[in-house]
Amino acid sequence: MATLHKYAALAGALLLVGCQAVNTTGSSAVGVDRKQYMFSMLSTNEINQSYAQAYQETLQQAQAKGKLDTRSNNAKRLQVIGKRLIAQAGYFRPDAAQWDWQVSLIESPDLNANCGPGGKIIFYSGIITKLNLTDDEIAAIMGHEIAHALREHSREAMSKAYGIEMAKLGLGAVLGVSQDTMQIADTAVQYGMTLPNSRGAETEADLLGIELAARAGYNPNAAVSLWQKMEQVSQGAPAEFTSTHPSSSTRIQNLQANMPKVMPLYEQARKR
């Protein structure tokens, strides 16, 4: 217990030394405005570049196996939906308009999708075909994943992991770069890229996701039908997507409660 208290105290000190409070996104109709604490040595550009490399490696591996789908109807659907959603991302953070956005489809039975740092989106065909997704439901998934990227939840997770690892090593390590600190940075990146998002991050992505979809002219109510489908399919062996994006009645209720905030945006977008 004493060791845990020691780490907690050091982590607190590290937050004061190496972290900065940031607002990754601007105002939103759904009220996502939580300040986030990021380590300054883990910059947005560095994280984006690192993930871009991993993303390209994933696509190259899929292409080598003949699994990178660029021609099917679903691949075309993703491009159209992605273009509309990405066009609205700048509303939440102007610099996102300069990101090198990419939308890719990989042939796989997995029920999964993600958007990594810097706007790198991957859908696995299983989530579209097995759930028989409508365009609005695809937009709900993509909007949710884009929201994670806009809020830099991966970088936030890395910063927390970095703080914990630094606390184990000692506060003095912050003041200089050593082999130990470089190893810690690698550990933090691994944590941030592989661990599930926190409940708070998931809620933020849910809410920003439906607002993003609404602003792009997709019915935000599709998020509810999407998670209902997810609940049904996860009654047996949970899909990978549901294991990292827990579906629950509380989540659906929260989405429904926020629909009045975004439906006017949807109606306005439909008139454009």
C-alpha atoms as a PDB file:
ATOM      1  CA  MET A   1       0.000   0.000   0.000  1.00  0.00           C
ATOM      2  CA  ALA A   2       2.852   2.373   0.830  1.00  0.00           C
ATOM      3  CA  THR A   3       4.328   1.750  -2.629  1.00  0.00           C
ATOM      4  CA  LEU A   4       1.010   2.585  -4.279  1.00  0.00           C
ATOM      5  CA  HIS A   5       0.803   5.836  -2.347  1.00  0.00           C
ATOM      6  CA  LYS A   6       4.372   6.631  -3.368  1.00  0.00           C
ATOM      7  CA  TYR A   7       3.535   6.094  -7.061  1.00  0.00           C
ATOM      8  CA  ALA A   8       0.368   8.132  -6.738  1.00  0.00           C
ATOM      9  CA  ALA A   9       2.268  11.038  -5.189  1.00  0.00           C
ATOM     10  CA  LEU A  10       4.964  10.906  -7.847  1.00  0.00           C
ATOM     11  CA  ALA A  11       2.372  10.671 -10.614  1.00  0.00           C
ATOM     12  CA  GLY A  12       0.661  13.740  -9.200  1.00  0.00           C
ATOM     13  CA  ALA A  13       3.926  15.634  -9.196  1.00  0.00           C
ATOM     14  CA  LEU A  14       4.636  14.508 -12.748  1.00  0.00           C
ATOM     15  CA  LEU A  15       1.285  15.838 -13.890  1.00  0.00           C
ATOM     16  CA  LEU A  16       2.326  19.262 -12.618  1.00  0.00           C
ATOM     17  CA  VAL A  17       5.779  19.062 -14.223  1.00  0.00           C
ATOM     18  CA  GLY A  18       5.161  17.447 -17.596  1.00  0.00           C
ATOM     19  CA  CYS A  19       1.462  17.771 -18.388  1.00  0.00           C
ATOM     20  CA  GLN A  20      -0.583  20.563 -19.818  1.00  0.00           C
ATOM     21  CA  ALA A  21      -4.334  21.028 -19.779  1.00  0.00           C
ATOM     22  CA  VAL A  22      -5.741  21.208 -23.288  1.00  0.00           C
ATOM     23  CA  ASN A  23      -9.066  21.499 -25.025  1.00  0.00           C
ATOM     24  CA  THR A  24      -8.739  19.157 -27.986  1.00  0.00           C
ATOM     25  CA  THR A  25     -12.141  20.118 -29.391  1.00  0.00           C
ATOM     26  CA  GLY A  26     -14.207  23.280 -29.402  1.00  0.00           C
ATOM     27  CA  SER A  27     -17.799  23.829 -28.402  1.00  0.00           C
ATOM     28  CA  SER A  28     -20.375  21.159 -29.131  1.00  0.00           C
ATOM     29  CA  ALA A  29     -24.129  20.937 -28.930  1.00  0.00           C
ATOM     30  CA  VAL A  30     -23.826  17.855 -26.715  1.00  0.00           C
ATOM     31  CA  GLY A  31     -21.616  19.586 -24.150  1.00  0.00           C
ATOM     32  CA  VAL A  32     -18.343  17.667 -24.465  1.00  0.00           C
ATOM     33  CA  ASP A  33     -15.903  20.175 -23.002  1.00  0.00           C
ATOM     34  CA  ARG A  34     -13.759  18.250 -20.509  1.00  0.00           C
ATOM     35  CA  LYS A  35     -10.183  19.486 -20.212  1.00  0.00           C
ATOM     36  CA  GLN A  36      -7.605  16.792 -20.870  1.00  0.00           C
ATOM     37  CA  TYR A  37      -4.096  16.481 -19.508  1.00  0.00           C
ATOM     38  CA  MET A  38      -1.412  15.584 -22.034  1.00  0.00           C
ATOM     39  CA  PHE A  39       2.340  15.152 -21.658  1.00  0.00           C
ATOM     40  CA  SER A  40       3.982  17.845 -23.755  1.00  0.00           C
ATOM     41  CA  MET A  41       6.718  15.418 -24.866  1.00  0.00           C
ATOM     42  CA  LEU A  42       4.017  13.300 -26.537  1.00  0.00           C
ATOM     43  CA  SER A  43       2.952  15.797 -29.177  1.00  0.00           C
ATOM     44  CA  THR A  44      -0.065  15.453 -31.433  1.00  0.00           C
ATOM     45  CA  ASN A  45       2.098  15.425 -34.576  1.00  0.00           C
ATOM     46  CA  GLU A  46       4.408  12.736 -33.239  1.00  0.00           C
ATOM     47  CA  ILE A  47       1.500  10.484 -32.273  1.00  0.00           C
ATOM     48  CA  ASN A  48      -0.209  11.061 -35.623  1.00  0.00           C
ATOM     49  CA  GLN A  49       2.957  10.234 -37.559  1.00  0.00           C
ATOM     50  CA  SER A  50       3.626   7.140 -35.497  1.00  0.00           C
ATOM     51  CA  TYR A  51       0.136   5.821 -36.040  1.00  0.00           C
ATOM     52  CA  ALA A  52       0.215   6.667 -39.754  1.00  0.00           C
ATOM     53  CA  GLN A  53       3.178   4.329 -40.134  1.00  0.00           C
ATOM     54  CA  ALA A  54       1.392   1.516 -38.302  1.00  0.00           C
ATOM     55  CA  TYR A  55      -1.723   2.139 -40.381  1.00  0.00           C
ATOM     56  CA  GLN A  56       0.171   1.823 -43.659  1.00  0.00           C
ATOM     57  CA  GLU A  57       1.778  -1.390 -42.469  1.00  0.00           C
ATOM     58  CA  THR A  58      -1.676  -2.799 -41.706  1.00  0.00           C
ATOM     59  CA  LEU A  59      -2.920  -1.872 -45.177  1.00  0.00           C
ATOM     60  CA  GLN A  60       0.175  -3.338 -46.836  1.00  0.00           C
ATOM     61  CA  GLN A  61      -0.316  -6.610 -44.985  1.00  0.00           C
ATOM     62  CA  ALA A  62      -3.972  -6.712 -46.008  1.00  0.00           C
ATOM     63  CA  GLN A  63      -3.082  -5.937 -49.623  1.00  0.00           C
ATOM     64  CA  ALA A  64      -0.458  -8.677 -49.684  1.00  0.00           C
ATOM     65  CA  LYS A  65      -3.157 -11.138 -48.619  1.00  0.00           C
ATOM     66  CA  GLY A  66      -5.636  -9.796 -51.177  1.00  0.00           C
ATOM     67  CA  LYS A  67      -7.867  -8.475 -48.398  1.00  0.00           C
ATOM     68  CA  LEU A  68      -7.699  -4.726 -49.020  1.00  0.00           C
ATOM     69  CA  ASP A  69     -11.060  -3.889 -50.600  1.00  0.00           C
ATOM     70  CA  THR A  70     -11.130  -0.746 -52.735  1.00  0.00           C
ATOM     71  CA  ARG A  71     -13.746  -1.655 -55.335  1.00  0.00           C
ATOM     72  CA  SER A  72     -16.793  -3.244 -53.710  1.00  0.00           C
ATOM     73  CA  ASN A  73     -20.041  -1.411 -53.134  1.00  0.00           C
ATOM     74  CA  ASN A  74     -19.314  -1.309 -49.397  1.00  0.00           C
ATOM     75  CA  ALA A  75     -15.883   0.204 -50.035  1.00  0.00           C
ATOM     76  CA  LYS A  76     -17.534   2.925 -52.103  1.00  0.00           C
ATOM     77  CA  ARG A  77     -20.167   3.488 -49.423  1.00  0.00           C
ATOM     78  CA  LEU A  78     -17.450   4.031 -46.828  1.00  0.00           C
ATOM     79  CA  GLN A  79     -15.711   6.613 -49.009  1.00  0.00           C
ATOM     80  CA  VAL A  80     -18.914   8.607 -49.516  1.00  0.00           C
ATOM     81  CA  ILE A  81     -19.887   8.488 -45.842  1.00  0.00           C
ATOM     82  CA  GLY A  82     -16.349   9.263 -44.738  1.00  0.00           C
ATOM     83  CA  LYS A  83     -16.123  12.291 -47.004  1.00  0.00           C
ATOM     84  CA  ARG A  84     -19.285  13.789 -45.525  1.00  0.00           C
ATOM     85  CA  LEU A  85     -18.254  13.154 -41.929  1.00  0.00           C
ATOM     86  CA  ILE A  86     -14.693  14.378 -42.400  1.00  0.00           C
ATOM     87  CA  ALA A  87     -16.028  17.602 -43.920  1.00  0.00           C
ATOM     88  CA  GLN A  88     -17.666  18.343 -40.549  1.00  0.00           C
ATOM     89  CA  ALA A  89     -14.676  17.426 -38.372  1.00  0.00           C
ATOM     90  CA  GLY A  90     -13.255  20.927 -38.699  1.00  0.00           C
ATOM     91  CA  TYR A  91     -16.227  22.299 -36.790  1.00  0.00           C
ATOM     92  CA  PHE A  92     -14.899  20.632 -33.634  1.00  0.00           C
ATOM     93  CA  ARG A  93     -11.200  21.337 -34.266  1.00  0.00           C
ATOM     94  CA  PRO A  94     -10.003  23.394 -37.265  1.00  0.00           C
ATOM     95  CA  ASP A  95      -6.619  21.660 -37.505  1.00  0.00           C
ATOM     96  CA  ALA A  96      -8.401  18.371 -38.350  1.00  0.00           C
ATOM     97  CA  ALA A  97      -9.056  19.826 -41.801  1.00  0.00           C
ATOM     98  CA  GLN A  98      -5.300  19.484 -42.428  1.00  0.00           C
ATOM     99  CA  TRP A  99      -5.062  15.847 -41.351  1.00  0.00           C
ATOM    100  CA  ASP A 100      -4.244  13.235 -43.958  1.00  0.00           C
ATOM    101  CA  TRP A 101      -7.562  11.414 -43.629  1.00  0.00           C
ATOM    102  CA  GLN A 102      -7.875   7.913 -45.019  1.00  0.00           C
ATOM    103  CA  VAL A 103     -10.781   5.456 -45.093  1.00  0.00           C
ATOM    104  CA  SER A 104     -10.043   1.789 -45.780  1.00  0.00           C
ATOM    105  CA  LEU A 105     -11.997  -1.455 -45.874  1.00  0.00           C
ATOM    106  CA  ILE A 106     -10.407  -4.797 -45.081  1.00  0.00           C
ATOM    107  CA  GLU A 107     -12.109  -8.066 -45.901  1.00  0.00           C
ATOM    108  CA  SER A 108     -12.485  -9.871 -42.597  1.00  0.00           C
ATOM    109  CA  PRO A 109     -15.270 -11.525 -40.591  1.00  0.00           C
ATOM    110  CA  ASP A 110     -14.349  -9.339 -37.611  1.00  0.00           C
ATOM    111  CA  LEU A 111     -17.041  -7.030 -36.294  1.00  0.00           C
ATOM    112  CA  ASN A 112     -14.715  -4.117 -35.808  1.00  0.00           C
ATOM    113  CA  ALA A 113     -13.799  -0.604 -36.929  1.00  0.00           C
ATOM    114  CA  ASN A 114     -11.562   2.165 -35.663  1.00  0.00           C
ATOM    115  CA  CYS A 115     -10.162   5.596 -36.370  1.00  0.00           C
ATOM    116  CA  GLY A 116      -6.622   6.087 -35.168  1.00  0.00           C
ATOM    117  CA  PRO A 117      -4.797   9.349 -34.414  1.00  0.00           C
ATOM    118  CA  GLY A 118      -4.648  11.716 -37.348  1.00  0.00           C
ATOM    119  CA  GLY A 119      -7.795  10.408 -39.040  1.00  0.00           C
ATOM    120  CA  LYS A 120      -6.797   6.910 -40.151  1.00  0.00           C
ATOM    121  CA  ILE A 121     -10.034   4.907 -40.473  1.00  0.00           C
ATOM    122  CA  ILE A 122     -10.357   1.158 -40.939  1.00  0.00           C
ATOM    123  CA  PHE A 123     -13.553  -0.860 -41.259  1.00  0.00           C
ATOM    124  CA  TYR A 124     -13.616  -4.639 -41.326  1.00  0.00           C
ATOM    125  CA  SER A 125     -16.223  -6.010 -43.720  1.00  0.00           C
ATOM    126  CA  GLY A 126     -17.811  -8.273 -41.131  1.00  0.00           C
ATOM    127  CA  ILE A 127     -19.275  -5.386 -39.188  1.00  0.00           C
ATOM    128  CA  ILE A 128     -21.093  -4.145 -42.286  1.00  0.00           C
ATOM    129  CA  THR A 129     -22.313  -7.456 -43.657  1.00  0.00           C
ATOM    130  CA  LYS A 130     -23.157  -9.337 -40.459  1.00  0.00           C
ATOM    131  CA  LEU A 131     -25.100  -6.411 -38.997  1.00  0.00           C
ATOM    132  CA  ASN A 132     -26.574  -5.413 -42.358  1.00  0.00           C
ATOM    133  CA  LEU A 133     -25.707  -1.807 -41.648  1.00  0.00           C
ATOM    134  CA  THR A 134     -27.530   1.090 -43.231  1.00  0.00           C
ATOM    135  CA  ASP A 135     -25.597   4.186 -44.306  1.00  0.00           C
ATOM    136  CA  ASP A 136     -26.843   5.955 -41.179  1.00  0.00           C
ATOM    137  CA  GLU A 137     -25.565   3.123 -38.973  1.00  0.00           C
ATOM    138  CA  ILE A 138     -22.186   3.133 -40.717  1.00  0.00           C
ATOM    139  CA  ALA A 139     -22.072   6.882 -40.079  1.00  0.00           C
ATOM    140  CA  ALA A 140     -22.855   6.226 -36.408  1.00  0.00           C
ATOM    141  CA  ILE A 141     -19.859   3.897 -36.102  1.00  0.00           C
ATOM    142  CA  MET A 142     -17.551   6.124 -38.120  1.00  0.00           C
ATOM    143  CA  GLY A 143     -18.666   9.239 -36.271  1.00  0.00           C
ATOM    144  CA  HIS A 144     -17.989   7.539 -32.947  1.00  0.00           C
ATOM    145  CA  GLU A 145     -14.511   6.488 -34.059  1.00  0.00           C
ATOM    146  CA  ILE A 146     -13.673   9.883 -35.564  1.00  0.00           C
ATOM    147  CA  ALA A 147     -14.687  11.462 -32.258  1.00  0.00           C
ATOM    148  CA  HIS A 148     -12.024   9.375 -30.492  1.00  0.00           C
ATOM    149  CA  ALA A 149      -9.423  10.794 -32.886  1.00  0.00           C
ATOM    150  CA  LEU A 150     -10.659  14.378 -32.532  1.00  0.00           C
ATOM    151  CA  ARG A 151     -10.539  14.113 -28.743  1.00  0.00           C
ATOM    152  CA  GLU A 152      -7.102  12.444 -28.945  1.00  0.00           C
ATOM    153  CA  HIS A 153      -8.148   9.714 -26.546  1.00  0.00           C
ATOM    154  CA  SER A 154      -5.144   7.597 -27.576  1.00  0.00           C
ATOM    155  CA  ARG A 155      -2.719  10.376 -26.719  1.00  0.00           C
ATOM    156  CA  GLU A 156      -4.544  10.928 -23.442  1.00  0.00           C
ATOM    157  CA  ALA A 157      -4.200   7.233 -22.578  1.00  0.00           C
ATOM    158  CA  MET A 158      -0.520   7.358 -23.498  1.00  0.00           C
ATOM    159  CA  SER A 159      -0.019  10.363 -21.232  1.00  0.00           C
ATOM    160  CA  LYS A 160      -1.599   8.536 -18.300  1.00  0.00           C
ATOM    161  CA  ALA A 161       0.503   5.447 -18.965  1.00  0.00           C
ATOM    162  CA  TYR A 162       3.599   7.629 -19.276  1.00  0.00           C
ATOM    163  CA  GLY A 163       2.859   9.239 -15.920  1.00  0.00           C
ATOM    164  CA  ILE A 164       2.469   5.884 -14.196  1.00  0.00           C
ATOM    165  CA  GLU A 165       5.667   4.479 -15.685  1.00  0.00           C
ATOM    166  CA  MET A 166       7.578   7.646 -14.862  1.00  0.00           C
ATOM    167  CA  ALA A 167       6.302   7.480 -11.292  1.00  0.00           C
ATOM    168  CA  LYS A 168       7.753   4.000 -11.008  1.00  0.00           C
ATOM    169  CA  LEU A 169      11.118   5.236 -12.262  1.00  0.00           C
ATOM    170  CA  GLY A 170      11.133   8.416 -10.224  1.00  0.00           C
ATOM    171  CA  LEU A 171      10.408  12.109 -10.667  1.00  0.00           C
ATOM    172  CA  GLY A 172      14.027  12.879 -11.569  1.00  0.00           C
ATOM    173  CA  ALA A 173      13.682  10.994 -14.847  1.00  0.00           C
ATOM    174  CA  VAL A 174      11.432  13.726 -16.186  1.00  0.00           C
ATOM    175  CA  LEU A 175      14.226  16.212 -16.087  1.00  0.00           C
ATOM    176  CA  GLY A 176      16.408  14.395 -18.605  1.00  0.00           C
ATOM    177  CA  VAL A 177      16.109  11.972 -21.513  1.00  0.00           C
ATOM    178  CA  SER A 178      17.615   8.556 -20.857  1.00  0.00           C
ATOM    179  CA  GLN A 179      17.327   5.026 -22.177  1.00  0.00           C
ATOM    180  CA  ASP A 180      14.823   4.378 -19.389  1.00  0.00           C
ATOM    181  CA  THR A 181      12.616   7.295 -20.416  1.00  0.00           C
ATOM    182  CA  MET A 182      12.690   6.189 -24.049  1.00  0.00           C
ATOM    183  CA  GLN A 183      11.564   2.713 -23.003  1.00  0.00           C
ATOM    184  CA  ILE A 184       8.812   4.280 -20.946  1.00  0.00           C
ATOM    185  CA  ALA A 185       7.674   6.281 -23.964  1.00  0.00           C
ATOM    186  CA  ASP A 186       7.490   3.083 -26.003  1.00  0.00           C
ATOM    187  CA  THR A 187       5.438   1.439 -23.249  1.00  0.00           C
ATOM    188  CA  ALA A 188       3.094   4.411 -23.128  1.00  0.00           C
ATOM    189  CA  VAL A 189       2.540   4.276 -26.885  1.00  0.00           C
ATOM    190  CA  GLN A 190       1.762   0.572 -26.701  1.00  0.00           C
ATOM    191  CA  TYR A 191      -0.727   1.169 -23.900  1.00  0.00           C
ATOM    192  CA  GLY A 192      -2.412   4.022 -25.701  1.00  0.00           C
ATOM    193  CA  MET A 193      -2.765   2.103 -28.960  1.00  0.00           C
ATOM    194  CA  THR A 194      -3.949  -1.221 -27.557  1.00  0.00           C
ATOM    195  CA  LEU A 195      -5.948  -0.700 -24.382  1.00  0.00           C
ATOM    196  CA  PRO A 196      -9.713  -0.086 -24.484  1.00  0.00           C
ATOM    197  CA  ASN A 197     -10.905   3.461 -24.013  1.00  0.00           C
ATOM    198  CA  SER A 198     -12.155   4.539 -20.611  1.00  0.00           C
ATOM    199  CA  ARG A 199     -15.856   4.784 -19.896  1.00  0.00           C
ATOM    200  CA  GLY A 200     -15.592   8.566 -19.966  1.00  0.00           C
ATOM    201  CA  ALA A 201     -13.872   8.530 -23.352  1.00  0.00           C
ATOM    202  CA  GLU A 202     -16.527   6.184 -24.718  1.00  0.00           C
ATOM    203  CA  THR A 203     -19.301   8.509 -23.563  1.00  0.00           C
ATOM    204  CA  GLU A 204     -17.582  11.481 -25.201  1.00  0.00           C
ATOM    205  CA  ALA A 205     -17.212   9.538 -28.455  1.00  0.00           C
ATOM    206  CA  ASP A 206     -20.866   8.493 -28.305  1.00  0.00           C
ATOM    207  CA  LEU A 207     -22.064  12.077 -27.928  1.00  0.00           C
ATOM    208  CA  LEU A 208     -19.665  13.753 -30.357  1.00  0.00           C
ATOM    209  CA  GLY A 209     -20.291  10.895 -32.770  1.00  0.00           C
ATOM    210  CA  ILE A 210     -24.033  11.508 -33.014  1.00  0.00           C
ATOM    211  CA  GLU A 211     -23.453  15.242 -33.374  1.00  0.00           C
ATOM    212  CA  LEU A 212     -20.904  14.679 -36.140  1.00  0.00           C
ATOM    213  CA  ALA A 213     -23.301  12.335 -37.944  1.00  0.00           C
ATOM    214  CA  ALA A 214     -26.157  14.812 -37.580  1.00  0.00           C
ATOM    215  CA  ARG A 215     -24.085  17.692 -38.965  1.00  0.00           C
ATOM    216  CA  ALA A 216     -23.178  15.490 -41.932  1.00  0.00           C
ATOM    217  CA  GLY A 217     -26.847  14.793 -42.655  1.00  0.00           C
ATOM    218  CA  TYR A 218     -27.056  11.255 -41.232  1.00  0.00           C
ATOM    219  CA  ASN A 219     -29.861  10.342 -38.851  1.00  0.00           C
ATOM    220  CA  PRO A 220     -28.301  10.232 -35.361  1.00  0.00           C
ATOM    221  CA  ASN A 221     -31.036   7.863 -34.168  1.00  0.00           C
ATOM    222  CA  ALA A 222     -29.149   5.174 -36.094  1.00  0.00           C
ATOM    223  CA  ALA A 223     -26.696   5.048 -33.180  1.00  0.00           C
ATOM    224  CA  VAL A 224     -29.480   3.536 -31.076  1.00  0.00           C
ATOM    225  CA  SER A 225     -30.413   0.866 -33.610  1.00  0.00           C
ATOM    226  CA  LEU A 226     -26.701   0.141 -34.081  1.00  0.00           C
ATOM    227  CA  TRP A 227     -26.101  -0.588 -30.411  1.00  0.00           C
ATOM    228  CA  GLN A 228     -29.276  -2.623 -30.248  1.00  0.00           C
ATOM    229  CA  LYS A 229     -27.862  -4.788 -33.038  1.00  0.00           C
ATOM    230  CA  MET A 230     -24.576  -4.974 -31.161  1.00  0.00           C
ATOM    231  CA  GLU A 231     -26.355  -6.190 -28.040  1.00  0.00           C
ATOM    232  CA  GLN A 232     -28.060  -8.922 -29.995  1.00  0.00           C
ATOM    233  CA  VAL A 233     -24.893 -10.134 -31.702  1.00  0.00           C
ATOM    234  CA  SER A 234     -22.866 -10.078 -28.474  1.00  0.00           C
ATOM    235  CA  GLN A 235     -25.243 -12.309 -26.537  1.00  0.00           C
ATOM    236  CA  GLY A 236     -23.083 -15.246 -27.576  1.00  0.00           C
ATOM    237  CA  ALA A 237     -19.354 -14.745 -27.883  1.00  0.00           C
ATOM    238  CA  PRO A 238     -18.696 -10.972 -27.663  1.00  0.00           C
ATOM    239  CA  ALA A 239     -17.393  -9.393 -30.852  1.00  0.00           C
ATOM    240  CA  GLU A 240     -14.092  -7.519 -30.714  1.00  0.00           C
ATOM    241  CA  PHE A 241     -15.902  -4.252 -31.276  1.00  0.00           C
ATOM    242  CA  THR A 242     -18.232  -4.818 -28.325  1.00  0.00           C
ATOM    243  CA  SER A 243     -15.360  -5.906 -26.103  1.00  0.00           C
ATOM    244  CA  THR A 244     -13.704  -2.504 -26.476  1.00  0.00           C
ATOM    245  CA  HIS A 245     -16.952  -0.544 -26.945  1.00  0.00           C
ATOM    246  CA  PRO A 246     -19.253  -1.926 -24.232  1.00  0.00           C
ATOM    247  CA  SER A 247     -22.903  -1.745 -25.158  1.00  0.00           C
ATOM    248  CA  SER A 248     -25.476  -1.390 -22.421  1.00  0.00           C
ATOM    249  CA  SER A 249     -28.977  -0.145 -21.749  1.00  0.00           C
ATOM    250  CA  THR A 250     -27.415   2.836 -19.956  1.00  0.00           C
ATOM    251  CA  ARG A 251     -25.449   3.733 -23.061  1.00  0.00           C
ATOM    252  CA  ILE A 252     -28.534   3.549 -25.274  1.00  0.00           C
ATOM    253  CA  GLN A 253     -30.517   5.620 -22.791  1.00  0.00           C
ATOM    254  CA  ASN A 254     -27.782   8.260 -22.773  1.00  0.00           C
ATOM    255  CA  LEU A 255     -27.853   8.431 -26.562  1.00  0.00           C
ATOM    256  CA  GLN A 256     -31.629   8.753 -26.587  1.00  0.00           C
ATOM    257  CA  ALA A 257     -31.503  11.472 -23.938  1.00  0.00           C
ATOM    258  CA  ASN A 258     -29.186  13.561 -26.113  1.00  0.00           C
ATOM    259  CA  MET A 259     -31.110  13.184 -29.371  1.00  0.00           C
ATOM    260  CA  PRO A 260     -33.077  16.434 -28.851  1.00  0.00           C
ATOM    261  CA  LYS A 261     -29.752  18.303 -28.893  1.00  0.00           C
ATOM    262  CA  VAL A 262     -28.672  16.977 -32.282  1.00  0.00           C
ATOM    263  CA  MET A 263     -31.890  16.364 -34.215  1.00  0.00           C
ATOM    264  CA  PRO A 264     -32.195  20.070 -35.163  1.00  0.00           C
ATOM    265  CA  LEU A 265     -28.693  19.840 -36.655  1.00  0.00           C
ATOM    266  CA  TYR A 266     -29.761  16.811 -38.682  1.00  0.00           C
ATOM    267  CA  GLU A 267     -32.887  18.520 -39.944  1.00  0.00           C
ATOM    268  CA  GLN A 268     -30.868  21.575 -40.910  1.00  0.00           C
ATOM    269  CA  ALA A 269     -28.276  19.456 -42.727  1.00  0.00           C
ATOM    270  CA  ARG A 270     -30.981  17.694 -44.712  1.00  0.00           C
ATOM    271  CA  LYS A 271     -32.110  21.043 -46.131  1.00  0.00           C
ATOM    272  CA  ARG A 272     -28.667  21.890 -47.506  1.00  0.00           C
END
